[in-house]
């Protein structure tokens, strides 16, 4: 500890400085807070600050409260001069003005936080440049593919497409008609058949194995089932 700090603590200078500081600020502080706030200006050591605060508390010049292992020090409100009505009104006006400033700052902070959130979720300039490059590459690929399709000679004309669609509708109607006939015939046969439908299709002893296969092929024809044939 330096000689200046020892002198301040021994001569009671530290206690006077701390008492004046606590009364001026009129708010609670820990010994560490007081040391951090006054060390540079007054050259007080932490041990001197702790000792002076404890002495002031023992003398009843300040108040002390313990919160767990930490102690909080603050000015004794009864020793402070009472404020006049004019001073109280001035303080109320000052509080109202500061409250308005706080609300304005909070609103400004919320707006800036929302703006920061939007900016954080947006792409950076380098990311946008990369995305544009990839999109242009895709456009070139699609353009080449479109040109190849346009230059091809095996296009289906509207007339050919209409013909194929008409034939498909015709075949579907015919398939439904044959399916209904085959189903009715199969049901009629199975009424007197002693075994199951599966055995009817595969059993050679029934003498109807070929007919069963034909009926099965007719009923299960994929022509209008909605499935596309490969190739």
C-alpha atoms as a PDB file:
ATOM      1  CA  UNK A   1       0.000   0.000   0.000  1.00  0.00           C
ATOM      2  CA  UNK A   2       1.344   3.471  -0.842  1.00  0.00           C
ATOM      3  CA  UNK A   3       2.102   6.183   1.714  1.00  0.00           C
ATOM      4  CA  UNK A   4      -0.726   8.340   0.308  1.00  0.00           C
ATOM      5  CA  UNK A   5      -3.262   5.616   0.928  1.00  0.00           C
ATOM      6  CA  UNK A   6      -1.997   4.964   4.444  1.00  0.00           C
ATOM      7  CA  UNK A   7      -2.200   8.662   5.240  1.00  0.00           C
ATOM      8  CA  UNK A   8      -5.729   8.962   3.970  1.00  0.00           C
ATOM      9  CA  UNK A   9      -6.910   6.042   6.087  1.00  0.00           C
ATOM     10  CA  UNK A  10      -5.011   7.065   9.231  1.00  0.00           C
ATOM     11  CA  UNK A  11      -6.120  10.701   9.179  1.00  0.00           C
ATOM     12  CA  UNK A  12      -9.793   9.921   8.729  1.00  0.00           C
ATOM     13  CA  UNK A  13      -9.721  11.296   5.212  1.00  0.00           C
ATOM     14  CA  UNK A  14     -11.048   8.067   3.759  1.00  0.00           C
ATOM     15  CA  UNK A  15     -14.052   8.059   6.083  1.00  0.00           C
ATOM     16  CA  UNK A  16     -14.886  11.666   5.214  1.00  0.00           C
ATOM     17  CA  UNK A  17     -14.586  10.975   1.502  1.00  0.00           C
ATOM     18  CA  UNK A  18     -16.773   7.882   1.738  1.00  0.00           C
ATOM     19  CA  UNK A  19     -19.407   9.579   3.916  1.00  0.00           C
ATOM     20  CA  UNK A  20     -19.681  12.514   1.539  1.00  0.00           C
ATOM     21  CA  UNK A  21     -19.849  10.192  -1.468  1.00  0.00           C
ATOM     22  CA  UNK A  22     -22.619   8.012  -0.016  1.00  0.00           C
ATOM     23  CA  UNK A  23     -24.677  11.059   0.964  1.00  0.00           C
ATOM     24  CA  UNK A  24     -24.278  12.694  -2.435  1.00  0.00           C
ATOM     25  CA  UNK A  25     -25.177   9.543  -4.362  1.00  0.00           C
ATOM     26  CA  UNK A  26     -27.815   8.432  -1.811  1.00  0.00           C
ATOM     27  CA  UNK A  27     -27.933   4.871  -3.086  1.00  0.00           C
ATOM     28  CA  UNK A  28     -26.573   1.532  -1.817  1.00  0.00           C
ATOM     29  CA  UNK A  29     -23.082   0.384  -2.708  1.00  0.00           C
ATOM     30  CA  UNK A  30     -20.880  -2.564  -1.881  1.00  0.00           C
ATOM     31  CA  UNK A  31     -17.308  -2.001  -0.698  1.00  0.00           C
ATOM     32  CA  UNK A  32     -16.068  -3.158  -4.114  1.00  0.00           C
ATOM     33  CA  UNK A  33     -18.321  -0.630  -5.875  1.00  0.00           C
ATOM     34  CA  UNK A  34     -17.091   2.224  -3.687  1.00  0.00           C
ATOM     35  CA  UNK A  35     -13.466   1.210  -4.196  1.00  0.00           C
ATOM     36  CA  UNK A  36     -13.901   0.990  -7.991  1.00  0.00           C
ATOM     37  CA  UNK A  37     -15.615   4.402  -8.164  1.00  0.00           C
ATOM     38  CA  UNK A  38     -13.193   6.329  -5.915  1.00  0.00           C
ATOM     39  CA  UNK A  39      -9.877   4.543  -6.248  1.00  0.00           C
ATOM     40  CA  UNK A  40      -8.616   6.510  -9.234  1.00  0.00           C
ATOM     41  CA  UNK A  41      -9.750   9.939  -8.014  1.00  0.00           C
ATOM     42  CA  UNK A  42      -8.739   9.674  -4.346  1.00  0.00           C
ATOM     43  CA  UNK A  43      -6.130   6.908  -4.379  1.00  0.00           C
ATOM     44  CA  UNK A  44      -7.907   4.826  -1.765  1.00  0.00           C
ATOM     45  CA  UNK A  45      -6.912   1.210  -1.255  1.00  0.00           C
ATOM     46  CA  UNK A  46      -9.550  -1.472  -0.952  1.00  0.00           C
ATOM     47  CA  UNK A  47      -8.529  -2.375   2.608  1.00  0.00           C
ATOM     48  CA  UNK A  48      -8.814   1.268   3.641  1.00  0.00           C
ATOM     49  CA  UNK A  49     -12.254   1.522   2.008  1.00  0.00           C
ATOM     50  CA  UNK A  50     -13.540  -1.605   3.767  1.00  0.00           C
ATOM     51  CA  UNK A  51     -12.178  -0.456   7.135  1.00  0.00           C
ATOM     52  CA  UNK A  52     -13.619   3.063   6.772  1.00  0.00           C
ATOM     53  CA  UNK A  53     -17.056   1.746   5.785  1.00  0.00           C
ATOM     54  CA  UNK A  54     -17.145  -0.611   8.747  1.00  0.00           C
ATOM     55  CA  UNK A  55     -16.137   2.218  11.115  1.00  0.00           C
ATOM     56  CA  UNK A  56     -18.809   4.533   9.710  1.00  0.00           C
ATOM     57  CA  UNK A  57     -21.414   1.782  10.126  1.00  0.00           C
ATOM     58  CA  UNK A  58     -20.321   1.123  13.724  1.00  0.00           C
ATOM     59  CA  UNK A  59     -20.534   4.839  14.470  1.00  0.00           C
ATOM     60  CA  UNK A  60     -24.074   4.963  13.092  1.00  0.00           C
ATOM     61  CA  UNK A  61     -23.172   7.515  10.413  1.00  0.00           C
ATOM     62  CA  UNK A  62     -24.170   5.133   7.590  1.00  0.00           C
ATOM     63  CA  UNK A  63     -26.317   2.017   7.396  1.00  0.00           C
ATOM     64  CA  UNK A  64     -25.155  -1.495   6.662  1.00  0.00           C
ATOM     65  CA  UNK A  65     -27.139  -4.496   5.354  1.00  0.00           C
ATOM     66  CA  UNK A  66     -25.859  -7.988   4.759  1.00  0.00           C
ATOM     67  CA  UNK A  67     -27.060 -10.038   1.776  1.00  0.00           C
ATOM     68  CA  UNK A  68     -25.472 -13.449   2.153  1.00  0.00           C
ATOM     69  CA  UNK A  69     -21.721 -12.942   2.255  1.00  0.00           C
ATOM     70  CA  UNK A  70     -21.906  -9.439   0.763  1.00  0.00           C
ATOM     71  CA  UNK A  71     -22.497  -6.210   2.700  1.00  0.00           C
ATOM     72  CA  UNK A  72     -24.254  -3.152   1.293  1.00  0.00           C
ATOM     73  CA  UNK A  73     -23.650   0.368   2.625  1.00  0.00           C
ATOM     74  CA  UNK A  74     -25.851   3.442   2.156  1.00  0.00           C
ATOM     75  CA  UNK A  75     -26.445   6.827   3.775  1.00  0.00           C
ATOM     76  CA  UNK A  76     -28.638   7.047   6.871  1.00  0.00           C
ATOM     77  CA  UNK A  77     -31.807   8.712   5.599  1.00  0.00           C
ATOM     78  CA  UNK A  78     -32.580  10.222   9.003  1.00  0.00           C
ATOM     79  CA  UNK A  79     -29.333  12.174   8.927  1.00  0.00           C
ATOM     80  CA  UNK A  80     -30.055  13.733   5.552  1.00  0.00           C
ATOM     81  CA  UNK A  81     -31.796  17.132   5.430  1.00  0.00           C
ATOM     82  CA  UNK A  82     -35.532  16.974   4.762  1.00  0.00           C
ATOM     83  CA  UNK A  83     -36.572  18.240   1.358  1.00  0.00           C
ATOM     84  CA  UNK A  84     -39.004  21.145   1.096  1.00  0.00           C
ATOM     85  CA  UNK A  85     -42.251  20.979  -0.847  1.00  0.00           C
ATOM     86  CA  UNK A  86     -40.678  22.949  -3.683  1.00  0.00           C
ATOM     87  CA  UNK A  87     -37.750  20.548  -3.830  1.00  0.00           C
ATOM     88  CA  UNK A  88     -40.106  17.569  -3.835  1.00  0.00           C
ATOM     89  CA  UNK A  89     -42.111  19.068  -6.677  1.00  0.00           C
ATOM     90  CA  UNK A  90     -38.872  19.699  -8.544  1.00  0.00           C
ATOM     91  CA  UNK A  91     -37.804  16.119  -7.993  1.00  0.00           C
ATOM     92  CA  UNK A  92     -41.207  14.844  -9.174  1.00  0.00           C
ATOM     93  CA  UNK A  93     -40.912  16.933 -12.324  1.00  0.00           C
ATOM     94  CA  UNK A  94     -37.384  15.664 -12.873  1.00  0.00           C
ATOM     95  CA  UNK A  95     -38.550  12.056 -12.386  1.00  0.00           C
ATOM     96  CA  UNK A  96     -41.390  12.562 -14.862  1.00  0.00           C
ATOM     97  CA  UNK A  97     -39.011  14.058 -17.428  1.00  0.00           C
ATOM     98  CA  UNK A  98     -36.505  11.255 -16.972  1.00  0.00           C
ATOM     99  CA  UNK A  99     -39.281   8.648 -17.170  1.00  0.00           C
ATOM    100  CA  UNK A 100     -40.338  10.113 -20.502  1.00  0.00           C
ATOM    101  CA  UNK A 101     -36.760   9.951 -21.724  1.00  0.00           C
ATOM    102  CA  UNK A 102     -36.510   6.341 -20.581  1.00  0.00           C
ATOM    103  CA  UNK A 103     -39.683   5.397 -22.461  1.00  0.00           C
ATOM    104  CA  UNK A 104     -38.435   7.149 -25.588  1.00  0.00           C
ATOM    105  CA  UNK A 105     -35.090   5.370 -25.362  1.00  0.00           C
ATOM    106  CA  UNK A 106     -36.788   2.026 -24.786  1.00  0.00           C
ATOM    107  CA  UNK A 107     -38.958   2.549 -27.848  1.00  0.00           C
ATOM    108  CA  UNK A 108     -35.890   3.500 -29.866  1.00  0.00           C
ATOM    109  CA  UNK A 109     -34.096   0.387 -28.608  1.00  0.00           C
ATOM    110  CA  UNK A 110     -37.009  -1.833 -29.616  1.00  0.00           C
ATOM    111  CA  UNK A 111     -37.008  -0.338 -33.105  1.00  0.00           C
ATOM    112  CA  UNK A 112     -33.261  -0.813 -33.451  1.00  0.00           C
ATOM    113  CA  UNK A 113     -33.533  -4.387 -32.163  1.00  0.00           C
ATOM    114  CA  UNK A 114     -36.216  -5.137 -34.759  1.00  0.00           C
ATOM    115  CA  UNK A 115     -34.064  -3.577 -37.473  1.00  0.00           C
ATOM    116  CA  UNK A 116     -31.046  -5.567 -36.281  1.00  0.00           C
ATOM    117  CA  UNK A 117     -33.115  -8.765 -36.362  1.00  0.00           C
ATOM    118  CA  UNK A 118     -34.188  -8.062 -39.951  1.00  0.00           C
ATOM    119  CA  UNK A 119     -30.627  -7.319 -40.994  1.00  0.00           C
ATOM    120  CA  UNK A 120     -29.316 -10.428 -39.251  1.00  0.00           C
ATOM    121  CA  UNK A 121     -31.821 -12.632 -41.094  1.00  0.00           C
ATOM    122  CA  UNK A 122     -31.005 -11.038 -44.465  1.00  0.00           C
ATOM    123  CA  UNK A 123     -28.265 -12.241 -46.763  1.00  0.00           C
ATOM    124  CA  UNK A 124     -24.966 -10.427 -46.825  1.00  0.00           C
ATOM    125  CA  UNK A 125     -23.636  -8.803 -49.987  1.00  0.00           C
ATOM    126  CA  UNK A 126     -21.301 -11.725 -50.679  1.00  0.00           C
ATOM    127  CA  UNK A 127     -24.129 -14.231 -50.113  1.00  0.00           C
ATOM    128  CA  UNK A 128     -26.401 -12.327 -52.484  1.00  0.00           C
ATOM    129  CA  UNK A 129     -23.665 -12.203 -55.132  1.00  0.00           C
ATOM    130  CA  UNK A 130     -23.197 -15.970 -54.802  1.00  0.00           C
ATOM    131  CA  UNK A 131     -26.961 -16.562 -55.022  1.00  0.00           C
ATOM    132  CA  UNK A 132     -27.229 -14.379 -58.139  1.00  0.00           C
ATOM    133  CA  UNK A 133     -24.366 -16.285 -59.747  1.00  0.00           C
ATOM    134  CA  UNK A 134     -26.068 -19.630 -59.072  1.00  0.00           C
ATOM    135  CA  UNK A 135     -29.421 -18.366 -60.358  1.00  0.00           C
ATOM    136  CA  UNK A 136     -27.828 -17.105 -63.564  1.00  0.00           C
ATOM    137  CA  UNK A 137     -26.170 -20.484 -64.009  1.00  0.00           C
ATOM    138  CA  UNK A 138     -29.555 -22.188 -63.587  1.00  0.00           C
ATOM    139  CA  UNK A 139     -31.139 -19.801 -66.084  1.00  0.00           C
ATOM    140  CA  UNK A 140     -28.465 -20.611 -68.644  1.00  0.00           C
ATOM    141  CA  UNK A 141     -29.025 -24.326 -68.118  1.00  0.00           C
ATOM    142  CA  UNK A 142     -32.792 -23.978 -68.517  1.00  0.00           C
ATOM    143  CA  UNK A 143     -32.346 -21.789 -71.596  1.00  0.00           C
ATOM    144  CA  UNK A 144     -30.146 -24.405 -73.245  1.00  0.00           C
ATOM    145  CA  UNK A 145     -32.643 -27.132 -72.397  1.00  0.00           C
ATOM    146  CA  UNK A 146     -35.497 -25.063 -73.825  1.00  0.00           C
ATOM    147  CA  UNK A 147     -33.591 -24.406 -77.025  1.00  0.00           C
ATOM    148  CA  UNK A 148     -32.908 -28.128 -77.451  1.00  0.00           C
ATOM    149  CA  UNK A 149     -36.578 -28.873 -76.962  1.00  0.00           C
ATOM    150  CA  UNK A 150     -37.571 -26.221 -79.495  1.00  0.00           C
ATOM    151  CA  UNK A 151     -35.110 -27.508 -82.075  1.00  0.00           C
ATOM    152  CA  UNK A 152     -36.248 -31.128 -81.726  1.00  0.00           C
ATOM    153  CA  UNK A 153     -38.210 -32.632 -84.642  1.00  0.00           C
ATOM    154  CA  UNK A 154     -40.244 -35.201 -82.726  1.00  0.00           C
ATOM    155  CA  UNK A 155     -42.768 -32.834 -81.160  1.00  0.00           C
ATOM    156  CA  UNK A 156     -46.310 -34.075 -80.643  1.00  0.00           C
ATOM    157  CA  UNK A 157     -48.758 -31.929 -82.551  1.00  0.00           C
ATOM    158  CA  UNK A 158     -52.040 -30.817 -80.951  1.00  0.00           C
ATOM    159  CA  UNK A 159     -53.904 -33.069 -83.376  1.00  0.00           C
ATOM    160  CA  UNK A 160     -51.857 -36.102 -82.360  1.00  0.00           C
ATOM    161  CA  UNK A 161     -52.340 -35.328 -78.686  1.00  0.00           C
ATOM    162  CA  UNK A 162     -56.093 -35.022 -79.167  1.00  0.00           C
ATOM    163  CA  UNK A 163     -56.205 -38.331 -81.019  1.00  0.00           C
ATOM    164  CA  UNK A 164     -54.279 -40.137 -78.270  1.00  0.00           C
ATOM    165  CA  UNK A 165     -56.542 -38.693 -75.570  1.00  0.00           C
ATOM    166  CA  UNK A 166     -59.663 -39.710 -77.474  1.00  0.00           C
ATOM    167  CA  UNK A 167     -58.379 -43.241 -77.938  1.00  0.00           C
ATOM    168  CA  UNK A 168     -57.465 -43.483 -74.261  1.00  0.00           C
ATOM    169  CA  UNK A 169     -61.000 -42.473 -73.260  1.00  0.00           C
ATOM    170  CA  UNK A 170     -62.444 -45.029 -75.682  1.00  0.00           C
ATOM    171  CA  UNK A 171     -60.253 -47.818 -74.332  1.00  0.00           C
ATOM    172  CA  UNK A 172     -61.150 -46.906 -70.763  1.00  0.00           C
ATOM    173  CA  UNK A 173     -64.864 -47.145 -71.457  1.00  0.00           C
ATOM    174  CA  UNK A 174     -64.347 -50.499 -73.133  1.00  0.00           C
ATOM    175  CA  UNK A 175     -62.192 -51.728 -70.243  1.00  0.00           C
ATOM    176  CA  UNK A 176     -64.842 -50.774 -67.692  1.00  0.00           C
ATOM    177  CA  UNK A 177     -67.500 -52.561 -69.708  1.00  0.00           C
ATOM    178  CA  UNK A 178     -65.394 -55.731 -69.974  1.00  0.00           C
ATOM    179  CA  UNK A 179     -64.433 -55.548 -66.319  1.00  0.00           C
ATOM    180  CA  UNK A 180     -68.085 -55.394 -65.322  1.00  0.00           C
ATOM    181  CA  UNK A 181     -68.898 -58.375 -67.550  1.00  0.00           C
ATOM    182  CA  UNK A 182     -65.941 -60.409 -66.273  1.00  0.00           C
ATOM    183  CA  UNK A 183     -66.781 -59.624 -62.655  1.00  0.00           C
ATOM    184  CA  UNK A 184     -70.394 -60.718 -63.117  1.00  0.00           C
ATOM    185  CA  UNK A 185     -69.293 -63.901 -64.836  1.00  0.00           C
ATOM    186  CA  UNK A 186     -66.713 -64.634 -62.144  1.00  0.00           C
ATOM    187  CA  UNK A 187     -69.239 -64.074 -59.357  1.00  0.00           C
ATOM    188  CA  UNK A 188     -71.687 -66.412 -61.061  1.00  0.00           C
ATOM    189  CA  UNK A 189     -69.059 -69.152 -61.349  1.00  0.00           C
ATOM    190  CA  UNK A 190     -67.852 -68.774 -57.774  1.00  0.00           C
ATOM    191  CA  UNK A 191     -71.398 -69.157 -56.397  1.00  0.00           C
ATOM    192  CA  UNK A 192     -71.217 -72.885 -57.092  1.00  0.00           C
ATOM    193  CA  UNK A 193     -67.473 -73.326 -56.714  1.00  0.00           C
ATOM    194  CA  UNK A 194     -66.587 -75.104 -53.460  1.00  0.00           C
ATOM    195  CA  UNK A 195     -63.178 -73.488 -53.029  1.00  0.00           C
ATOM    196  CA  UNK A 196     -61.789 -69.975 -52.779  1.00  0.00           C
ATOM    197  CA  UNK A 197     -61.312 -67.517 -55.622  1.00  0.00           C
ATOM    198  CA  UNK A 198     -57.526 -67.922 -55.479  1.00  0.00           C
ATOM    199  CA  UNK A 199     -57.803 -71.681 -55.808  1.00  0.00           C
ATOM    200  CA  UNK A 200     -60.214 -71.198 -58.691  1.00  0.00           C
ATOM    201  CA  UNK A 201     -57.573 -69.246 -60.617  1.00  0.00           C
ATOM    202  CA  UNK A 202     -54.679 -71.660 -60.059  1.00  0.00           C
ATOM    203  CA  UNK A 203     -56.245 -75.110 -59.694  1.00  0.00           C
ATOM    204  CA  UNK A 204     -55.914 -77.249 -62.891  1.00  0.00           C
ATOM    205  CA  UNK A 205     -58.504 -79.740 -61.578  1.00  0.00           C
ATOM    206  CA  UNK A 206     -61.311 -77.254 -61.959  1.00  0.00           C
ATOM    207  CA  UNK A 207     -60.885 -77.285 -65.720  1.00  0.00           C
ATOM    208  CA  UNK A 208     -61.243 -73.511 -65.667  1.00  0.00           C
ATOM    209  CA  UNK A 209     -57.616 -72.548 -65.076  1.00  0.00           C
ATOM    210  CA  UNK A 210     -57.315 -70.868 -68.444  1.00  0.00           C
ATOM    211  CA  UNK A 211     -60.648 -69.116 -68.075  1.00  0.00           C
ATOM    212  CA  UNK A 212     -59.651 -67.932 -64.610  1.00  0.00           C
ATOM    213  CA  UNK A 213     -56.442 -66.464 -65.990  1.00  0.00           C
ATOM    214  CA  UNK A 214     -58.369 -64.652 -68.708  1.00  0.00           C
ATOM    215  CA  UNK A 215     -60.852 -63.273 -66.209  1.00  0.00           C
ATOM    216  CA  UNK A 216     -58.068 -62.203 -63.866  1.00  0.00           C
ATOM    217  CA  UNK A 217     -56.226 -60.442 -66.700  1.00  0.00           C
ATOM    218  CA  UNK A 218     -59.400 -58.695 -67.783  1.00  0.00           C
ATOM    219  CA  UNK A 219     -60.394 -57.552 -64.325  1.00  0.00           C
ATOM    220  CA  UNK A 220     -56.900 -56.415 -63.346  1.00  0.00           C
ATOM    221  CA  UNK A 221     -56.058 -54.710 -66.643  1.00  0.00           C
ATOM    222  CA  UNK A 222     -53.920 -51.606 -65.967  1.00  0.00           C
ATOM    223  CA  UNK A 223     -55.292 -49.713 -68.973  1.00  0.00           C
ATOM    224  CA  UNK A 224     -57.360 -47.225 -66.943  1.00  0.00           C
ATOM    225  CA  UNK A 225     -55.841 -47.729 -63.507  1.00  0.00           C
ATOM    226  CA  UNK A 226     -53.999 -44.415 -63.637  1.00  0.00           C
ATOM    227  CA  UNK A 227     -50.528 -46.021 -63.850  1.00  0.00           C
ATOM    228  CA  UNK A 228     -48.205 -45.144 -66.687  1.00  0.00           C
ATOM    229  CA  UNK A 229     -46.450 -47.938 -68.476  1.00  0.00           C
ATOM    230  CA  UNK A 230     -42.684 -47.636 -68.527  1.00  0.00           C
ATOM    231  CA  UNK A 231     -41.010 -47.248 -71.871  1.00  0.00           C
END
